[in-house]
Protein backbone atom coordinates (compact mmCIF):
# COMPACT_ATOMS: atom_id res chain seq x y z
CA MET A 1 173.73 142.11 -28.87
CA LYS A 2 176.13 144.65 -30.34
CA THR A 3 175.20 145.67 -33.86
CA LYS A 4 177.58 147.80 -35.85
CA ASN A 5 174.84 149.54 -37.80
CA LEU A 6 172.75 150.46 -34.74
CA VAL A 7 174.43 153.57 -33.37
CA LEU A 8 171.14 155.45 -33.07
CA VAL A 9 172.17 158.81 -34.40
CA GLY A 10 169.00 159.09 -36.40
CA ILE A 11 170.02 158.37 -39.97
CA ALA A 12 171.07 154.90 -38.91
CA ILE A 13 167.67 154.07 -37.46
CA CYS A 14 165.35 156.06 -39.70
CA THR A 15 165.21 153.63 -42.63
CA ILE A 16 164.25 150.78 -40.32
CA LEU A 17 161.82 152.76 -38.21
CA LEU A 18 159.76 154.38 -40.94
CA THR A 19 158.32 151.00 -41.93
CA SER A 20 158.20 149.40 -38.49
CA PRO A 21 154.78 147.89 -37.65
CA VAL A 22 155.18 148.88 -34.00
CA LEU A 23 154.77 152.58 -34.85
CA ALA A 24 150.99 152.59 -35.15
CA SER A 25 149.29 155.26 -33.08
CA ALA A 26 147.41 154.20 -29.98
CA GLY A 27 144.71 156.79 -30.71
CA TYR A 28 142.91 157.93 -33.85
CA LEU A 29 143.00 161.29 -35.55
CA LYS A 30 140.09 163.42 -34.34
CA ILE A 31 139.62 165.49 -37.46
CA TYR A 32 136.38 165.69 -39.41
CA GLY A 33 137.22 163.88 -42.63
CA ASN A 34 138.86 160.94 -40.89
CA ALA A 35 135.79 158.87 -41.72
CA ASN A 36 137.28 155.44 -40.96
CA GLU A 37 138.78 156.77 -37.70
CA ASP A 38 142.36 155.62 -38.14
CA ASP A 39 145.58 157.63 -37.79
CA THR A 40 145.51 159.48 -41.12
CA ILE A 41 143.22 161.06 -43.70
CA ASP A 42 143.60 159.49 -47.15
CA MET A 43 141.57 158.13 -50.05
CA ARG A 44 140.32 155.29 -47.90
CA ASP A 45 138.28 157.92 -46.08
CA THR A 46 136.66 159.17 -49.27
CA THR A 47 135.79 155.57 -50.11
CA TYR A 48 134.35 155.08 -46.62
CA ILE A 49 132.17 158.19 -46.94
CA LYS A 50 130.77 156.94 -50.27
CA LEU A 51 129.96 153.57 -48.68
CA VAL A 52 128.17 155.38 -45.84
CA ILE A 53 126.12 157.33 -48.41
CA PHE A 54 125.18 154.08 -50.16
CA GLY A 55 124.29 152.38 -46.87
CA LYS A 56 127.19 149.93 -47.02
CA LYS A 57 129.04 151.23 -43.96
CA PRO A 58 127.87 152.68 -40.63
CA ALA A 59 128.12 156.44 -40.29
CA THR A 60 130.90 157.77 -38.08
CA THR A 61 131.22 161.15 -36.43
CA PHE A 62 134.14 162.17 -38.61
CA ALA A 63 132.52 161.13 -41.89
CA ASP A 64 130.79 164.52 -41.77
CA ALA A 65 133.96 166.12 -43.12
CA ASN A 66 132.52 169.59 -43.71
CA TYR A 67 130.71 169.53 -40.35
CA ASP A 68 127.30 170.50 -41.69
CA GLY A 69 125.29 167.85 -39.86
CA LYS A 70 124.80 165.45 -42.78
CA ILE A 71 126.92 163.06 -44.80
CA SER A 72 126.95 163.72 -48.53
CA MET A 73 129.25 163.99 -51.53
CA LEU A 74 130.26 167.41 -50.22
CA ASP A 75 132.12 165.52 -47.49
CA VAL A 76 133.98 163.53 -50.12
CA GLY A 77 135.08 166.83 -51.69
CA GLN A 78 136.17 168.27 -48.35
CA THR A 79 138.15 165.15 -47.52
CA LYS A 80 139.97 165.32 -50.85
CA LEU A 81 140.90 168.92 -50.10
CA ILE A 82 142.26 167.91 -46.69
CA ILE A 83 144.35 165.17 -48.33
CA LEU A 84 145.80 167.76 -50.74
CA GLY A 85 146.28 170.32 -47.97
CA LYS A 86 143.96 172.77 -49.75
CA GLU A 87 141.01 172.87 -47.36
CA LYS A 88 139.67 176.33 -46.46
CA LYS A 89 138.33 175.19 -43.09
CA LEU A 90 139.16 172.31 -40.79
CA THR A 91 137.01 171.04 -37.93
CA ILE A 92 138.69 169.09 -35.14
CA ILE A 93 138.14 167.79 -31.65
CA ASP A 94 140.96 169.27 -29.57
CA MET A 95 142.83 167.85 -26.59
CA ASN A 96 140.16 169.15 -24.23
CA ASP A 97 137.39 167.38 -26.20
CA ARG A 98 136.11 170.64 -27.68
CA THR A 99 134.91 170.82 -31.28
CA VAL A 100 136.66 173.70 -33.04
CA THR A 101 136.56 174.94 -36.63
CA VAL A 102 139.55 176.92 -37.87
CA SER A 103 140.12 178.71 -41.17
CA LYS A 104 143.11 177.53 -43.20
CA PRO A 105 145.88 178.31 -43.73
CA ILE A 106 146.80 179.54 -40.28
CA GLU A 107 149.00 182.59 -40.91
CA GLY A 108 149.10 184.00 -37.41
CA VAL A 109 148.87 182.02 -34.17
CA VAL A 110 149.05 182.92 -30.48
CA VAL A 111 151.01 180.32 -28.50
CA THR A 112 150.37 180.21 -24.76
CA HIS A 113 152.46 177.32 -23.45
CA ARG A 114 156.18 176.52 -23.45
CA GLU A 115 155.81 172.97 -24.77
CA GLN A 116 153.95 174.24 -27.85
CA PHE A 117 156.92 176.32 -29.03
CA GLU A 118 159.07 173.20 -29.00
CA GLN A 119 156.44 171.09 -30.74
CA LEU A 120 155.90 173.64 -33.50
CA ARG A 121 159.65 173.89 -33.99
CA SER A 122 159.81 170.10 -34.38
CA LEU A 123 157.25 170.42 -37.20
CA LYS A 124 159.17 173.22 -38.95
CA VAL A 125 156.29 175.67 -38.50
CA PRO A 126 157.68 179.07 -39.63
CA LYS A 127 158.65 181.32 -36.76
CA ASP A 128 157.07 184.35 -38.40
CA ILE A 129 153.51 183.05 -38.01
CA ILE A 130 153.97 182.79 -34.21
CA LEU A 131 152.75 186.09 -32.79
CA THR A 132 153.46 185.84 -29.07
CA ALA A 133 155.80 184.46 -26.45
CA GLU A 134 154.68 182.82 -23.21
CA ARG A 135 155.91 184.76 -20.17
CA GLN A 136 158.30 182.18 -18.79
CA ILE A 137 160.23 181.74 -22.01
CA LEU A 138 160.91 185.47 -21.80
CA THR A 139 161.97 185.48 -18.14
CA MET A 140 163.55 182.13 -17.18
CA ASP A 141 167.23 181.81 -18.07
CA GLU A 142 166.80 178.25 -19.37
CA TYR A 143 164.07 179.22 -21.80
CA THR A 144 165.58 182.54 -22.94
CA ILE A 145 168.45 180.47 -24.34
CA TYR A 146 166.54 177.44 -25.58
CA PHE A 147 163.87 179.63 -27.22
CA ALA A 148 166.14 182.49 -28.24
CA GLU A 149 164.38 183.21 -31.53
CA TYR A 150 161.12 184.10 -29.77
CA GLN A 151 162.55 186.71 -27.41
CA ASP A 152 161.39 189.65 -29.54
CA LEU A 153 157.72 188.59 -29.45
CA PRO A 154 155.11 190.26 -27.20
CA ASP A 155 154.40 188.75 -23.77
CA VAL A 156 151.11 186.83 -23.85
CA GLY A 157 151.08 186.11 -20.11
CA SER A 158 151.01 182.55 -18.84
CA CYS A 159 149.12 179.51 -20.04
CA SER A 160 146.87 179.58 -16.99
CA ASN A 161 146.43 183.36 -17.15
CA PRO A 162 146.71 184.56 -20.77
CA ASN A 163 146.63 188.29 -21.52
CA LEU A 164 143.26 188.61 -23.23
CA GLU A 165 143.75 192.21 -24.33
CA VAL A 166 147.02 191.44 -26.11
CA ILE A 167 145.61 188.33 -27.76
CA VAL A 168 142.43 189.91 -29.08
CA GLY A 169 144.40 192.95 -30.25
CA LEU A 170 146.63 190.75 -32.42
CA ARG A 171 143.62 189.23 -34.26
CA PRO A 172 145.25 185.80 -34.71
CA ASP A 173 143.83 183.05 -36.89
CA ALA A 174 144.00 180.69 -33.91
CA ILE A 175 145.09 180.44 -30.28
CA LEU A 176 146.85 177.38 -28.89
CA MET A 177 145.77 176.72 -25.32
CA GLY A 178 147.54 174.37 -22.91
CA SER A 179 146.65 172.00 -20.11
CA TYR A 180 147.45 174.39 -17.26
CA GLY A 181 144.23 176.14 -16.33
CA GLN A 182 141.94 174.17 -18.60
CA ASN A 183 138.36 173.83 -17.30
CA THR A 184 138.93 176.58 -14.74
CA GLN A 185 136.65 179.58 -14.39
CA GLN A 186 139.48 181.76 -15.69
CA HIS A 187 139.84 179.73 -18.87
CA THR A 188 136.09 179.54 -19.35
CA ALA A 189 135.92 183.33 -19.24
CA ALA A 190 138.86 183.59 -21.65
CA LEU A 191 137.20 181.24 -24.12
CA GLU A 192 134.06 183.37 -24.07
CA VAL A 193 136.15 186.43 -24.95
CA PHE A 194 137.88 184.60 -27.80
CA GLU A 195 134.58 183.26 -29.13
CA SER A 196 133.04 186.72 -29.08
CA ALA A 197 136.02 188.00 -31.05
CA GLY A 198 135.69 185.16 -33.56
CA ILE A 199 139.07 183.66 -32.71
CA PRO A 200 139.20 179.83 -32.49
CA ALA A 201 140.97 178.54 -29.37
CA ILE A 202 142.48 175.04 -29.66
CA TYR A 203 143.76 172.98 -26.75
CA VAL A 204 146.91 171.12 -27.71
CA HIS A 205 149.02 169.48 -25.02
CA GLU A 206 150.81 166.18 -24.95
CA THR A 207 150.99 163.42 -22.40
CA GLU A 208 152.58 159.98 -22.55
CA THR A 209 149.32 158.57 -23.90
CA ASN A 210 148.43 161.19 -26.52
CA PHE A 211 151.77 162.49 -27.80
CA VAL A 212 151.36 160.98 -31.28
CA GLU A 213 147.75 162.11 -31.63
CA ASN A 214 148.69 165.63 -30.52
CA MET A 215 151.58 165.97 -32.97
CA ARG A 216 149.47 164.66 -35.86
CA LEU A 217 146.76 167.17 -35.02
CA LEU A 218 149.31 170.00 -35.09
CA GLY A 219 150.63 168.67 -38.39
CA TYR A 220 147.20 168.94 -40.00
CA LEU A 221 146.48 172.33 -38.46
CA PHE A 222 149.68 173.90 -39.79
CA GLY A 223 150.03 172.02 -43.08
CA LYS A 224 152.97 169.99 -41.76
CA LYS A 225 151.64 166.43 -42.04
CA ASP A 226 154.83 164.99 -43.49
CA GLU A 227 157.00 166.72 -40.92
CA ALA A 228 154.78 165.40 -38.14
CA GLU A 229 155.09 161.84 -39.41
CA GLU A 230 158.86 162.13 -39.76
CA TYR A 231 159.20 163.28 -36.16
CA ILE A 232 156.66 160.78 -34.80
CA ASN A 233 158.39 157.88 -36.53
CA TRP A 234 161.82 158.93 -35.30
CA ARG A 235 160.78 159.45 -31.69
CA LYS A 236 158.37 156.55 -31.48
CA GLY A 237 160.83 154.20 -33.12
CA LEU A 238 163.55 155.11 -30.66
CA LEU A 239 161.31 154.46 -27.66
CA ASN A 240 160.06 151.21 -29.16
CA LEU A 241 163.62 150.02 -29.66
CA ILE A 242 164.33 150.65 -25.99
CA ARG A 243 161.21 148.82 -24.92
CA GLU A 244 161.86 145.87 -27.20
CA ARG A 245 165.28 145.35 -25.66
CA VAL A 246 163.97 145.81 -22.13
CA GLU A 247 161.42 143.05 -22.74
CA ASP A 248 164.27 140.59 -23.31
CA ILE A 249 165.96 141.33 -20.00
CA PRO A 250 165.36 138.69 -17.28
CA GLU A 251 163.79 140.05 -14.12
CA GLU A 252 166.77 138.96 -12.02
CA ASP A 253 169.06 141.11 -14.20
CA LYS A 254 167.09 144.30 -13.59
CA PRO A 255 168.81 146.60 -11.05
CA LYS A 256 167.08 148.04 -8.01
CA VAL A 257 166.87 151.79 -8.57
CA TYR A 258 166.19 154.85 -6.43
CA ILE A 259 165.57 158.21 -8.12
CA GLU A 260 165.82 161.29 -5.92
CA TRP A 261 163.83 164.11 -7.42
CA GLY A 262 164.49 167.76 -6.66
CA ARG A 263 165.58 167.58 -3.06
CA GLN A 264 166.93 165.11 -0.55
CA TYR A 265 164.80 162.00 -0.01
CA THR A 266 162.00 162.97 -2.35
CA THR A 267 160.93 160.73 -5.22
CA LYS A 268 158.23 160.22 -7.83
CA ASN A 269 156.19 157.25 -8.95
CA GLU A 270 156.61 155.29 -12.18
CA ALA A 271 154.90 157.95 -14.29
CA GLY A 272 157.64 160.37 -13.31
CA THR A 273 160.69 158.17 -12.97
CA ARG A 274 160.12 155.63 -15.81
CA ILE A 275 162.24 153.11 -13.89
CA ALA A 276 160.24 150.00 -14.78
CA ALA A 277 159.74 151.06 -18.38
CA MET A 278 163.51 151.37 -18.79
CA GLY A 279 164.30 147.97 -17.29
CA GLY A 280 164.84 148.76 -13.62
CA ARG A 281 163.10 147.82 -10.40
CA ASP A 282 161.95 150.79 -8.34
CA ILE A 283 162.85 150.17 -4.70
CA PHE A 284 159.41 151.60 -3.85
CA GLU A 285 157.70 149.51 -6.56
CA GLY A 286 156.67 152.57 -8.56
CA GLU A 287 153.97 153.59 -6.11
CA VAL A 288 155.59 156.25 -3.92
CA SER A 289 155.71 160.00 -4.59
CA GLY A 290 156.88 162.73 -2.24
CA ASP A 291 159.04 162.67 0.87
CA ILE A 292 160.49 159.36 2.01
CA ASN A 293 162.34 158.03 5.04
CA PRO A 294 166.14 157.92 4.54
CA GLU A 295 166.25 154.66 6.46
CA GLU A 296 163.90 153.10 3.92
CA VAL A 297 166.26 153.95 1.08
CA ALA A 298 169.18 152.38 2.93
CA LYS A 299 167.11 149.36 3.89
CA ARG A 300 166.02 148.68 0.29
CA ASN A 301 169.61 148.64 -1.00
CA PRO A 302 169.40 150.27 -4.46
CA ASP A 303 171.98 149.13 -7.01
CA ILE A 304 171.71 152.45 -8.86
CA ILE A 305 170.83 155.92 -7.60
CA ILE A 306 169.90 158.78 -9.89
CA ILE A 307 169.62 162.36 -8.69
CA ILE A 308 167.36 164.67 -10.71
CA GLY A 309 168.25 168.29 -10.05
CA GLY A 310 170.44 171.17 -11.08
CA ARG A 311 168.27 174.24 -11.57
CA GLY A 312 171.43 175.91 -12.85
CA SER A 313 172.22 173.14 -15.32
CA GLY A 314 171.00 172.17 -18.78
CA TYR A 315 171.40 174.64 -21.61
CA ILE A 316 172.26 177.67 -19.47
CA THR A 317 175.77 176.77 -18.33
CA ASP A 318 178.90 174.92 -19.34
CA ASP A 319 179.91 174.44 -15.70
CA VAL A 320 179.32 170.94 -14.31
CA THR A 321 179.98 172.02 -10.70
CA GLU A 322 176.37 172.01 -9.52
CA LEU A 323 175.70 168.49 -10.78
CA LYS A 324 179.03 167.31 -9.39
CA GLU A 325 178.24 168.72 -5.95
CA LEU A 326 174.83 167.03 -5.92
CA ARG A 327 176.51 163.67 -6.44
CA GLU A 328 179.24 164.32 -3.87
CA GLU A 329 176.66 165.30 -1.26
CA LEU A 330 174.70 162.08 -1.72
CA MET A 331 177.85 159.95 -1.77
CA SER A 332 178.81 161.45 1.62
CA ARG A 333 175.54 160.65 3.43
CA GLU A 334 176.38 158.48 6.39
CA GLU A 335 173.17 156.42 6.19
CA LEU A 336 173.93 155.37 2.58
CA GLN A 337 177.52 154.21 2.95
CA ASP A 338 176.60 150.51 2.83
CA VAL A 339 174.17 150.85 -0.08
CA PRO A 340 175.42 149.02 -3.22
CA ALA A 341 174.99 152.08 -5.46
CA VAL A 342 177.28 154.17 -3.27
CA LYS A 343 179.82 151.40 -2.72
CA THR A 344 180.15 150.74 -6.47
CA GLY A 345 179.88 154.39 -7.50
CA LYS A 346 176.72 153.87 -9.56
CA VAL A 347 175.29 157.23 -8.61
CA TYR A 348 174.34 159.48 -11.55
CA VAL A 349 173.00 163.02 -11.77
CA MET A 350 170.58 164.24 -14.43
CA SER A 351 169.52 167.81 -15.16
CA TYR A 352 165.84 168.68 -14.81
CA TYR A 353 165.93 170.02 -18.33
CA ILE A 354 166.19 166.69 -20.15
CA THR A 355 163.50 164.93 -18.12
CA GLY A 356 159.95 164.27 -19.22
CA THR A 357 158.28 165.31 -16.00
CA GLY A 358 160.50 168.08 -14.73
CA CYS A 359 160.36 171.51 -16.31
CA CYS A 360 157.89 171.73 -19.16
CA HIS A 361 159.07 170.29 -22.44
CA GLY A 362 157.64 169.56 -25.83
CA GLY A 363 158.90 166.04 -26.33
CA ARG A 364 162.39 165.84 -24.81
CA ASP A 365 161.43 162.99 -22.46
CA PHE A 366 163.14 160.42 -24.69
CA VAL A 367 166.52 161.91 -23.71
CA GLN A 368 165.85 160.95 -20.08
CA GLU A 369 164.75 157.49 -21.13
CA ALA A 370 167.79 156.90 -23.34
CA TYR A 371 170.17 157.71 -20.49
CA LEU A 372 168.25 155.55 -18.01
CA ALA A 373 168.29 152.55 -20.35
CA LYS A 374 172.03 152.96 -20.89
CA TRP A 375 172.77 153.31 -17.16
CA PHE A 376 170.54 150.42 -16.12
CA HIS A 377 171.79 148.01 -18.78
CA PRO A 378 175.09 149.05 -20.37
CA THR A 379 175.56 145.57 -21.88
CA TYR A 380 172.15 145.45 -23.57
CA PHE A 381 172.60 149.05 -24.76
CA ASP A 382 176.31 149.05 -25.56
CA ASP A 383 175.58 150.48 -29.04
CA PHE A 384 173.35 153.20 -27.61
CA ASP A 385 174.54 156.81 -27.55
CA PRO A 386 172.12 159.06 -25.62
CA LYS A 387 174.17 162.17 -26.35
CA ALA A 388 174.00 161.49 -30.10
CA ILE A 389 170.24 161.04 -29.82
CA HIS A 390 169.93 164.33 -27.93
CA GLN A 391 172.17 166.07 -30.50
CA GLU A 392 170.15 164.80 -33.44
CA TYR A 393 166.95 166.05 -31.88
CA LEU A 394 168.39 169.53 -31.35
CA THR A 395 169.87 169.71 -34.85
CA ARG A 396 167.37 167.85 -36.99
CA PHE A 397 164.06 168.62 -35.31
CA GLN A 398 164.68 171.78 -33.31
CA GLY A 399 166.86 173.39 -35.97
CA LEU A 400 169.33 174.65 -33.36
CA ASP A 401 173.00 175.37 -33.95
CA TRP A 402 173.92 173.80 -30.62
CA ASP A 403 176.94 171.55 -30.11
CA LEU A 404 176.56 169.34 -27.03
CA ASP A 405 180.32 168.79 -26.97
CA LYS A 406 180.79 172.51 -26.38
CA HIS A 407 177.74 173.79 -24.53
CA GLY A 408 175.52 172.73 -21.64
CA VAL A 409 175.63 170.19 -18.83
CA TYR A 410 172.93 167.52 -18.69
CA VAL A 411 174.24 164.46 -16.82
CA TYR A 412 177.16 163.78 -14.52
CA HIS A 413 179.24 160.83 -13.43
CA PRO A 414 182.98 161.23 -12.75
CA GLU A 415 184.02 158.43 -15.11
CA GLU A 416 181.18 158.13 -17.61
CA HIS A 417 180.11 161.78 -17.94
CA PRO A 418 182.83 163.97 -16.41
CA ASP A 419 182.06 166.92 -18.72
CA GLY A 420 178.31 166.91 -18.23
CA ASN A 421 177.07 165.04 -21.30
């Protein structure tokens, strides 16, 4: 299984992954001009529009590239402009299924959610077109460090409660809205204010199922199509590699796993823990979320226990003490002394800040998954280096001068990760 050339530090995998057939998007690009409704806008779309005009192909919603209610050669012209990145307007369907037209290029944008700052940074969107900072990245220690370059921007409020006066006063070309608060009365009122002011509001937020679609949409909006594809291919290829290896693991070789999330005897289901996806067997079969009975954990005999916690961990400290104490506390619980994970020492701690369902992130979930795969199956993933993957993301896609060997604590195990990474 060990392959010398598969160290997964990015450069080593990129050549393989860029052409991998498993990288196709699960969804299609919801931009007017994507006439054939695939994952990109190219000359095949102009051909499709012409065939629609000549009655050779059925009309699609997105064949109306200039969004004027009819399909004509003007749509061919608009599509060509989109391909060249020279369009003056772009009409999209956003992540809240709203049709929005925005003027291009976007030279000033209000950002209302933490994950969007990270996503835009991954796409190399210039910092100087971002006009505002979301309140929590200005006030929470973790975010003041991770998003240091945005600390001089005006406070826009929160995603669920944006400061309308500040936003309208800035006269941005667009506003990026997030999932928190969408479809509420408060957001409906905010959208009416933005519409009256002539400012397009675009919902962009990623989930496990629409991450690729969301990043591609941002790429087109900000003229960063190539950067979006580079990041999508890197991230998607990494996750596909994990899943391909997991598929080869016999069921009897998959360890029984318990993940304790946030406080003692609290867990999450498969969507939060990713146990099954990473080749483990959840002792609660992926169905349980919330408080659980300690006796049930002991009774189900997990082979591996992972503690998610450490509000004072991640990028804000170089001190591993908090993560270490979390592990020591669990190892000392009387009811768990006969559990295989405790007896063999296979108890790991992971900081909230590298998880996909802990504190808000803009794509860092693959760091969690890389560590889980390595911990569950060290033999199958002996050439895997989660820290190198994390480092490449911070350096290559986030553009941060951040050395994981020197700063931060993210995971802890006394033998495997004594220094926190």
